[in-house]
Amino acid sequence: MNVFSVPNDFGVSRIGITVTRKFGGAVHRNRIRRQIRAIIQNLTPENPGRGRDLVIHVRPEQPKVEFAILKEELYALVKRALGADSASRLSPRRQPSS
């Protein structure tokens, strides 16, 4: 999996996810997209004013791994793509306690 990050002038961050047909059928491609979207939604920057475009490219060689492992790997890749200054502001979103 590769993660690319580029600043944008919109003030909001945008996410793009690419999964080629070499990864598998539509069911497998859509499942990995849903998992990645769920992981990204749970990561929230403390300073959302800086707009960035993130492109997450899932490689065909990417093994089908458990959600927890995918989450750790994606979190590390996003931190590296955003750089040290932005990554320090990135943290998992806390679930409200009932």
Protein backbone atom coordinates (compact mmCIF):
# COMPACT_ATOMS: atom_id res chain seq x y z
CA MET A 1 0.00 0.00 0.00
CA ASN A 2 1.20 3.51 -0.82
CA VAL A 3 0.00 6.82 0.61
CA PHE A 4 0.71 10.11 -1.16
CA SER A 5 0.04 13.54 0.33
CA VAL A 6 -0.07 16.93 -1.38
CA PRO A 7 -1.18 20.27 0.09
CA ASN A 8 -4.28 21.84 -1.46
CA ASP A 9 -5.75 25.34 -1.42
CA PHE A 10 -9.25 24.32 -0.32
CA GLY A 11 -8.70 24.35 3.44
CA VAL A 12 -10.19 20.86 3.82
CA SER A 13 -8.58 17.48 3.40
CA ARG A 14 -9.68 15.12 0.65
CA ILE A 15 -9.11 11.38 0.41
CA GLY A 16 -8.81 9.24 -2.71
CA ILE A 17 -8.61 5.44 -2.61
CA THR A 18 -7.50 3.40 -5.62
CA VAL A 19 -7.78 -0.37 -5.86
CA THR A 20 -7.09 -1.99 -9.23
CA ARG A 21 -8.95 -4.99 -10.62
CA LYS A 22 -5.79 -7.02 -10.12
CA PHE A 23 -6.58 -6.93 -6.39
CA GLY A 24 -9.65 -9.11 -6.91
CA GLY A 25 -13.32 -8.99 -7.70
CA ALA A 26 -15.63 -6.08 -6.94
CA VAL A 27 -16.56 -7.53 -3.56
CA HIS A 28 -12.92 -7.62 -2.41
CA ARG A 29 -12.11 -4.18 -3.83
CA ASN A 30 -15.14 -2.56 -2.23
CA ARG A 31 -14.47 -4.26 1.09
CA ILE A 32 -10.92 -2.89 1.31
CA ARG A 33 -12.21 0.57 0.32
CA ARG A 34 -14.84 0.46 3.10
CA GLN A 35 -12.22 -0.65 5.62
CA ILE A 36 -9.83 2.14 4.61
CA ARG A 37 -12.64 4.73 4.77
CA ALA A 38 -13.57 3.54 8.27
CA ILE A 39 -9.94 3.80 9.42
CA ILE A 40 -9.50 7.29 7.95
CA GLN A 41 -12.76 8.52 9.52
CA ASN A 42 -11.44 7.47 12.93
CA LEU A 43 -8.30 9.57 12.47
CA THR A 44 -8.89 13.21 13.12
CA PRO A 45 -6.31 15.99 12.96
CA GLU A 46 -6.46 18.47 15.82
CA ASN A 47 -5.96 21.29 13.31
CA PRO A 48 -8.27 20.54 10.37
CA GLY A 49 -7.67 23.95 8.77
CA ARG A 50 -4.74 22.73 6.70
CA GLY A 51 -6.05 21.14 3.55
CA ARG A 52 -4.27 18.10 2.16
CA ASP A 53 -5.04 15.64 -0.58
CA LEU A 54 -4.31 12.05 0.41
CA VAL A 55 -4.26 9.29 -2.19
CA ILE A 56 -4.18 5.74 -0.85
CA HIS A 57 -3.18 3.17 -3.46
CA VAL A 58 -3.74 -0.47 -2.55
CA ARG A 59 -1.32 -2.69 -4.39
CA PRO A 60 -2.44 -6.00 -5.91
CA GLU A 61 0.21 -7.80 -3.87
CA GLN A 62 -1.37 -6.47 -0.65
CA PRO A 63 -2.34 -9.56 1.33
CA LYS A 64 -5.83 -9.77 2.71
CA VAL A 65 -5.08 -8.94 6.34
CA GLU A 66 -7.18 -8.46 9.44
CA PHE A 67 -8.71 -5.05 10.11
CA ALA A 68 -6.47 -4.33 13.15
CA ILE A 69 -3.30 -4.99 11.17
CA LEU A 70 -4.55 -2.90 8.24
CA LYS A 71 -5.36 -0.08 10.67
CA GLU A 72 -1.84 -0.07 12.17
CA GLU A 73 -0.18 -0.16 8.75
CA LEU A 74 -2.37 2.59 7.30
CA TYR A 75 -1.92 4.81 10.35
CA ALA A 76 1.88 4.51 10.05
CA LEU A 77 1.78 5.25 6.30
CA VAL A 78 -0.46 8.30 6.75
CA LYS A 79 1.81 9.65 9.49
CA ARG A 80 4.83 9.25 7.22
CA ALA A 81 3.05 10.84 4.25
CA LEU A 82 1.93 13.86 6.26
CA GLY A 83 5.39 14.44 7.68
CA ALA A 84 6.54 14.94 11.26
CA ASP A 85 4.78 18.27 11.89
CA SER A 86 1.33 17.16 10.73
CA ALA A 87 1.62 13.62 12.08
CA SER A 88 2.06 14.86 15.63
CA ARG A 89 -1.42 16.45 15.38
CA LEU A 90 -2.99 13.25 14.03
CA SER A 91 -4.62 11.03 16.63
CA PRO A 92 -7.29 8.33 16.72
CA ARG A 93 -10.73 9.75 17.37
CA ARG A 94 -12.09 8.91 20.81
CA GLN A 95 -15.43 7.12 20.97
CA PRO A 96 -17.94 8.87 23.24
CA SER A 97 -18.60 6.95 26.42
CA SER A 98 -22.19 6.20 27.28
